[in-house]
């Protein structure tokens, strides 16, 4: 199995993103369905957010 090493980036859960942005979890889910929020990725049945995608979204808004 390949090691992640320095390339590993922590993925944020929906509640972690909501806490960071100080918005309700429901807002993050709404953004997900409308395409207004940060880019999320699917990991199995879960949605996760890369820190760099959140930072890019914040910079653009």
PDB file of N, CA and C in Angstrom:
ATOM      1  N   UNK A   1       0.836  -1.176   0.000  1.00  0.00           N
ATOM      2  CA  UNK A   1       0.000   0.000   0.000  1.00  0.00           C
ATOM      3  C   UNK A   1       0.886   1.245   0.000  1.00  0.00           C
ATOM      4  N   UNK A   2       0.556   2.212  -0.837  1.00  0.00           N
ATOM      5  CA  UNK A   2       1.345   3.436  -0.927  1.00  0.00           C
ATOM      6  C   UNK A   2       1.109   4.305   0.301  1.00  0.00           C
ATOM      7  N   UNK A   3       2.171   4.951   0.744  1.00  0.00           N
ATOM      8  CA  UNK A   3       2.045   5.836   1.889  1.00  0.00           C
ATOM      9  C   UNK A   3       1.659   7.229   1.416  1.00  0.00           C
ATOM     10  N   UNK A   4       0.873   7.909   2.222  1.00  0.00           N
ATOM     11  CA  UNK A   4       0.404   9.238   1.857  1.00  0.00           C
ATOM     12  C   UNK A   4       1.470  10.296   2.076  1.00  0.00           C
ATOM     13  N   UNK A   5       2.291  10.139   3.100  1.00  0.00           N
ATOM     14  CA  UNK A   5       3.380  11.071   3.349  1.00  0.00           C
ATOM     15  C   UNK A   5       2.924  12.509   3.451  1.00  0.00           C
ATOM     16  N   UNK A   6       3.699  13.425   2.857  1.00  0.00           N
ATOM     17  CA  UNK A   6       3.398  14.852   2.928  1.00  0.00           C
ATOM     18  C   UNK A   6       2.214  15.243   2.063  1.00  0.00           C
ATOM     19  N   UNK A   7       1.807  14.387   1.153  1.00  0.00           N
ATOM     20  CA  UNK A   7       0.697  14.686   0.260  1.00  0.00           C
ATOM     21  C   UNK A   7      -0.658  14.568   0.953  1.00  0.00           C
ATOM     22  N   UNK A   8      -0.689  13.938   2.114  1.00  0.00           N
ATOM     23  CA  UNK A   8      -1.958  13.736   2.818  1.00  0.00           C
ATOM     24  C   UNK A   8      -2.519  15.074   3.258  1.00  0.00           C
ATOM     25  N   UNK A   9      -3.783  15.237   3.000  1.00  0.00           N
ATOM     26  CA  UNK A   9      -4.478  16.446   3.415  1.00  0.00           C
ATOM     27  C   UNK A   9      -5.710  16.035   4.190  1.00  0.00           C
ATOM     28  N   UNK A  10      -5.881  16.624   5.333  1.00  0.00           N
ATOM     29  CA  UNK A  10      -7.024  16.298   6.169  1.00  0.00           C
ATOM     30  C   UNK A  10      -8.306  16.759   5.487  1.00  0.00           C
ATOM     31  N   UNK A  11      -9.300  15.909   5.518  1.00  0.00           N
ATOM     32  CA  UNK A  11     -10.602  16.236   4.940  1.00  0.00           C
ATOM     33  C   UNK A  11     -11.563  16.614   6.054  1.00  0.00           C
ATOM     34  N   UNK A  12     -12.288  17.707   5.860  1.00  0.00           N
ATOM     35  CA  UNK A  12     -13.236  18.184   6.850  1.00  0.00           C
ATOM     36  C   UNK A  12     -14.595  17.543   6.646  1.00  0.00           C
ATOM     37  N   UNK A  13     -15.250  17.216   7.730  1.00  0.00           N
ATOM     38  CA  UNK A  13     -16.626  16.729   7.676  1.00  0.00           C
ATOM     39  C   UNK A  13     -17.552  17.930   7.540  1.00  0.00           C
ATOM     40  N   UNK A  14     -18.818  17.660   7.268  1.00  0.00           N
ATOM     41  CA  UNK A  14     -19.808  18.733   7.174  1.00  0.00           C
ATOM     42  C   UNK A  14     -19.903  19.507   8.500  1.00  0.00           C
ATOM     43  N   UNK A  15     -20.027  18.832   9.652  1.00  0.00           N
ATOM     44  CA  UNK A  15     -20.082  19.598  10.910  1.00  0.00           C
ATOM     45  C   UNK A  15     -18.819  20.417  11.181  1.00  0.00           C
ATOM     46  N   UNK A  16     -17.651  19.900  10.802  1.00  0.00           N
ATOM     47  CA  UNK A  16     -16.412  20.652  10.993  1.00  0.00           C
ATOM     48  C   UNK A  16     -16.398  21.906  10.121  1.00  0.00           C
ATOM     49  N   UNK A  17     -16.848  21.774   8.874  1.00  0.00           N
ATOM     50  CA  UNK A  17     -16.910  22.929   7.980  1.00  0.00           C
ATOM     51  C   UNK A  17     -17.899  23.957   8.505  1.00  0.00           C
ATOM     52  N   UNK A  18     -19.052  23.499   8.950  1.00  0.00           N
ATOM     53  CA  UNK A  18     -20.068  24.406   9.491  1.00  0.00           C
ATOM     54  C   UNK A  18     -19.526  25.158  10.701  1.00  0.00           C
ATOM     55  N   UNK A  19     -18.839  24.460  11.582  1.00  0.00           N
ATOM     56  CA  UNK A  19     -18.258  25.081  12.779  1.00  0.00           C
ATOM     57  C   UNK A  19     -17.201  26.120  12.367  1.00  0.00           C
ATOM     58  N   UNK A  20     -16.361  25.779  11.401  1.00  0.00           N
ATOM     59  CA  UNK A  20     -15.319  26.691  10.932  1.00  0.00           C
ATOM     60  C   UNK A  20     -15.929  27.962  10.330  1.00  0.00           C
ATOM     61  N   UNK A  21     -16.968  27.798   9.522  1.00  0.00           N
ATOM     62  CA  UNK A  21     -17.601  28.942   8.861  1.00  0.00           C
ATOM     63  C   UNK A  21     -18.645  29.633   9.739  1.00  0.00           C
ATOM     64  N   UNK A  22     -18.933  29.011  10.888  1.00  0.00           N
ATOM     65  CA  UNK A  22     -19.937  29.540  11.826  1.00  0.00           C
ATOM     66  C   UNK A  22     -21.303  29.687  11.174  1.00  0.00           C
ATOM     67  N   UNK A  23     -21.700  28.606  10.490  1.00  0.00           N
ATOM     68  CA  UNK A  23     -23.029  28.520   9.891  1.00  0.00           C
ATOM     69  C   UNK A  23     -23.656  27.202  10.336  1.00  0.00           C
ATOM     70  N   UNK A  24     -24.968  27.095  10.266  1.00  0.00           N
ATOM     71  CA  UNK A  24     -25.612  25.827  10.612  1.00  0.00           C
ATOM     72  C   UNK A  24     -25.231  24.718   9.621  1.00  0.00           C
ATOM     73  N   UNK A  25     -25.238  23.499  10.100  1.00  0.00           N
ATOM     74  CA  UNK A  25     -24.965  22.338   9.243  1.00  0.00           C
ATOM     75  C   UNK A  25     -25.937  22.324   8.069  1.00  0.00           C
ATOM     76  N   UNK A  26     -27.184  22.691   8.308  1.00  0.00           N
ATOM     77  CA  UNK A  26     -28.189  22.696   7.235  1.00  0.00           C
ATOM     78  C   UNK A  26     -27.795  23.653   6.108  1.00  0.00           C
ATOM     79  N   UNK A  27     -27.101  24.731   6.436  1.00  0.00           N
ATOM     80  CA  UNK A  27     -26.646  25.668   5.409  1.00  0.00           C
ATOM     81  C   UNK A  27     -25.605  25.007   4.509  1.00  0.00           C
ATOM     82  N   UNK A  28     -24.689  24.259   5.098  1.00  0.00           N
ATOM     83  CA  UNK A  28     -23.673  23.559   4.308  1.00  0.00           C
ATOM     84  C   UNK A  28     -24.344  22.569   3.364  1.00  0.00           C
ATOM     85  N   UNK A  29     -25.331  21.828   3.856  1.00  0.00           N
ATOM     86  CA  UNK A  29     -26.051  20.884   2.986  1.00  0.00           C
ATOM     87  C   UNK A  29     -26.825  21.613   1.897  1.00  0.00           C
ATOM     88  N   UNK A  30     -27.405  22.760   2.225  1.00  0.00           N
ATOM     89  CA  UNK A  30     -28.134  23.536   1.216  1.00  0.00           C
ATOM     90  C   UNK A  30     -27.174  24.013   0.132  1.00  0.00           C
ATOM     91  N   UNK A  31     -26.005  24.530   0.553  1.00  0.00           N
ATOM     92  CA  UNK A  31     -25.006  24.957  -0.416  1.00  0.00           C
ATOM     93  C   UNK A  31     -24.600  23.801  -1.314  1.00  0.00           C
ATOM     94  N   UNK A  32     -24.517  22.626  -0.748  1.00  0.00           N
ATOM     95  CA  UNK A  32     -24.121  21.436  -1.521  1.00  0.00           C
ATOM     96  C   UNK A  32     -25.128  21.168  -2.633  1.00  0.00           C
ATOM     97  N   UNK A  33     -26.408  21.290  -2.310  1.00  0.00           N
ATOM     98  CA  UNK A  33     -27.441  20.993  -3.320  1.00  0.00           C
ATOM     99  C   UNK A  33     -27.577  22.112  -4.347  1.00  0.00           C
ATOM    100  N   UNK A  34     -27.308  23.357  -3.944  1.00  0.00           N
ATOM    101  CA  UNK A  34     -27.450  24.476  -4.876  1.00  0.00           C
ATOM    102  C   UNK A  34     -26.149  24.807  -5.609  1.00  0.00           C
ATOM    103  N   UNK A  35     -25.039  24.234  -5.149  1.00  0.00           N
ATOM    104  CA  UNK A  35     -23.751  24.497  -5.783  1.00  0.00           C
ATOM    105  C   UNK A  35     -23.126  25.816  -5.368  1.00  0.00           C
ATOM    106  N   UNK A  36     -23.616  26.405  -4.279  1.00  0.00           N
ATOM    107  CA  UNK A  36     -23.124  27.712  -3.841  1.00  0.00           C
ATOM    108  C   UNK A  36     -21.920  27.641  -2.907  1.00  0.00           C
ATOM    109  N   UNK A  37     -21.692  26.535  -2.268  1.00  0.00           N
ATOM    110  CA  UNK A  37     -20.647  26.432  -1.249  1.00  0.00           C
ATOM    111  C   UNK A  37     -19.326  25.953  -1.802  1.00  0.00           C
ATOM    112  N   UNK A  38     -18.402  25.650  -0.904  1.00  0.00           N
ATOM    113  CA  UNK A  38     -17.106  25.117  -1.322  1.00  0.00           C
ATOM    114  C   UNK A  38     -17.266  23.765  -2.018  1.00  0.00           C
ATOM    115  N   UNK A  39     -16.321  23.455  -2.843  1.00  0.00           N
ATOM    116  CA  UNK A  39     -16.335  22.183  -3.561  1.00  0.00           C
ATOM    117  C   UNK A  39     -16.168  21.037  -2.574  1.00  0.00           C
ATOM    118  N   UNK A  40     -17.099  20.119  -2.606  1.00  0.00           N
ATOM    119  CA  UNK A  40     -17.022  18.935  -1.760  1.00  0.00           C
ATOM    120  C   UNK A  40     -16.688  17.709  -2.582  1.00  0.00           C
ATOM    121  N   UNK A  41     -16.186  16.698  -1.927  1.00  0.00           N
ATOM    122  CA  UNK A  41     -15.899  15.441  -2.613  1.00  0.00           C
ATOM    123  C   UNK A  41     -16.609  14.320  -1.878  1.00  0.00           C
ATOM    124  N   UNK A  42     -16.919  13.283  -2.603  1.00  0.00           N
ATOM    125  CA  UNK A  42     -17.559  12.112  -2.028  1.00  0.00           C
ATOM    126  C   UNK A  42     -16.495  11.108  -1.625  1.00  0.00           C
ATOM    127  N   UNK A  43     -16.628  10.617  -0.408  1.00  0.00           N
ATOM    128  CA  UNK A  43     -15.790   9.527   0.081  1.00  0.00           C
ATOM    129  C   UNK A  43     -16.779   8.463   0.523  1.00  0.00           C
ATOM    130  N   UNK A  44     -17.026   7.513  -0.372  1.00  0.00           N
ATOM    131  CA  UNK A  44     -18.088   6.546  -0.105  1.00  0.00           C
ATOM    132  C   UNK A  44     -19.418   7.264  -0.086  1.00  0.00           C
ATOM    133  N   UNK A  45     -20.137   7.143   1.008  1.00  0.00           N
ATOM    134  CA  UNK A  45     -21.434   7.819   1.104  1.00  0.00           C
ATOM    135  C   UNK A  45     -21.358   9.151   1.838  1.00  0.00           C
ATOM    136  N   UNK A  46     -20.141   9.585   2.149  1.00  0.00           N
ATOM    137  CA  UNK A  46     -19.946  10.811   2.915  1.00  0.00           C
ATOM    138  C   UNK A  46     -19.416  11.942   2.042  1.00  0.00           C
ATOM    139  N   UNK A  47     -19.716  13.164   2.431  1.00  0.00           N
ATOM    140  CA  UNK A  47     -19.178  14.347   1.768  1.00  0.00           C
ATOM    141  C   UNK A  47     -18.061  14.891   2.651  1.00  0.00           C
ATOM    142  N   UNK A  48     -16.957  15.191   2.031  1.00  0.00           N
ATOM    143  CA  UNK A  48     -15.815  15.768   2.745  1.00  0.00           C
ATOM    144  C   UNK A  48     -15.334  16.995   1.978  1.00  0.00           C
ATOM    145  N   UNK A  49     -14.617  17.866   2.681  1.00  0.00           N
ATOM    146  CA  UNK A  49     -14.137  19.120   2.094  1.00  0.00           C
ATOM    147  C   UNK A  49     -12.643  19.240   2.325  1.00  0.00           C
ATOM    148  N   UNK A  50     -11.912  19.545   1.249  1.00  0.00           N
ATOM    149  CA  UNK A  50     -10.486  19.795   1.361  1.00  0.00           C
ATOM    150  C   UNK A  50     -10.281  21.220   1.843  1.00  0.00           C
ATOM    151  N   UNK A  51      -9.297  21.405   2.718  1.00  0.00           N
ATOM    152  CA  UNK A  51      -9.013  22.732   3.249  1.00  0.00           C
ATOM    153  C   UNK A  51      -8.692  23.716   2.135  1.00  0.00           C
ATOM    154  N   UNK A  52      -7.950  23.272   1.140  1.00  0.00           N
ATOM    155  CA  UNK A  52      -7.578  24.178   0.041  1.00  0.00           C
ATOM    156  C   UNK A  52      -8.797  24.603  -0.772  1.00  0.00           C
ATOM    157  N   UNK A  53      -9.810  23.714  -0.913  1.00  0.00           N
ATOM    158  CA  UNK A  53     -11.027  24.077  -1.632  1.00  0.00           C
ATOM    159  C   UNK A  53     -11.846  25.096  -0.844  1.00  0.00           C
ATOM    160  N   UNK A  54     -11.864  24.939   0.473  1.00  0.00           N
ATOM    161  CA  UNK A  54     -12.566  25.903   1.331  1.00  0.00           C
ATOM    162  C   UNK A  54     -11.867  27.264   1.249  1.00  0.00           C
ATOM    163  N   UNK A  55     -10.541  27.267   1.314  1.00  0.00           N
ATOM    164  CA  UNK A  55      -9.785  28.517   1.245  1.00  0.00           C
ATOM    165  C   UNK A  55     -10.009  29.215  -0.097  1.00  0.00           C
ATOM    166  N   UNK A  56     -10.037  28.453  -1.181  1.00  0.00           N
ATOM    167  CA  UNK A  56     -10.280  29.031  -2.511  1.00  0.00           C
ATOM    168  C   UNK A  56     -11.679  29.624  -2.597  1.00  0.00           C
ATOM    169  N   UNK A  57     -12.645  28.922  -2.031  1.00  0.00           N
ATOM    170  CA  UNK A  57     -14.027  29.419  -2.043  1.00  0.00           C
ATOM    171  C   UNK A  57     -14.140  30.708  -1.230  1.00  0.00           C
ATOM    172  N   UNK A  58     -13.503  30.741  -0.070  1.00  0.00           N
ATOM    173  CA  UNK A  58     -13.532  31.946   0.761  1.00  0.00           C
ATOM    174  C   UNK A  58     -12.874  33.131   0.041  1.00  0.00           C
ATOM    175  N   UNK A  59     -11.767  32.866  -0.640  1.00  0.00           N
ATOM    176  CA  UNK A  59     -11.061  33.933  -1.358  1.00  0.00           C
ATOM    177  C   UNK A  59     -11.922  34.497  -2.487  1.00  0.00           C
ATOM    178  N   UNK A  60     -12.722  33.657  -3.095  1.00  0.00           N
ATOM    179  CA  UNK A  60     -13.576  34.081  -4.210  1.00  0.00           C
ATOM    180  C   UNK A  60     -14.826  34.804  -3.753  1.00  0.00           C
ATOM    181  N   UNK A  61     -15.153  34.658  -2.461  1.00  0.00           N
ATOM    182  CA  UNK A  61     -16.373  35.284  -1.944  1.00  0.00           C
ATOM    183  C   UNK A  61     -15.991  36.343  -0.973  1.00  0.00           C
TER     184      UNK A  61
END
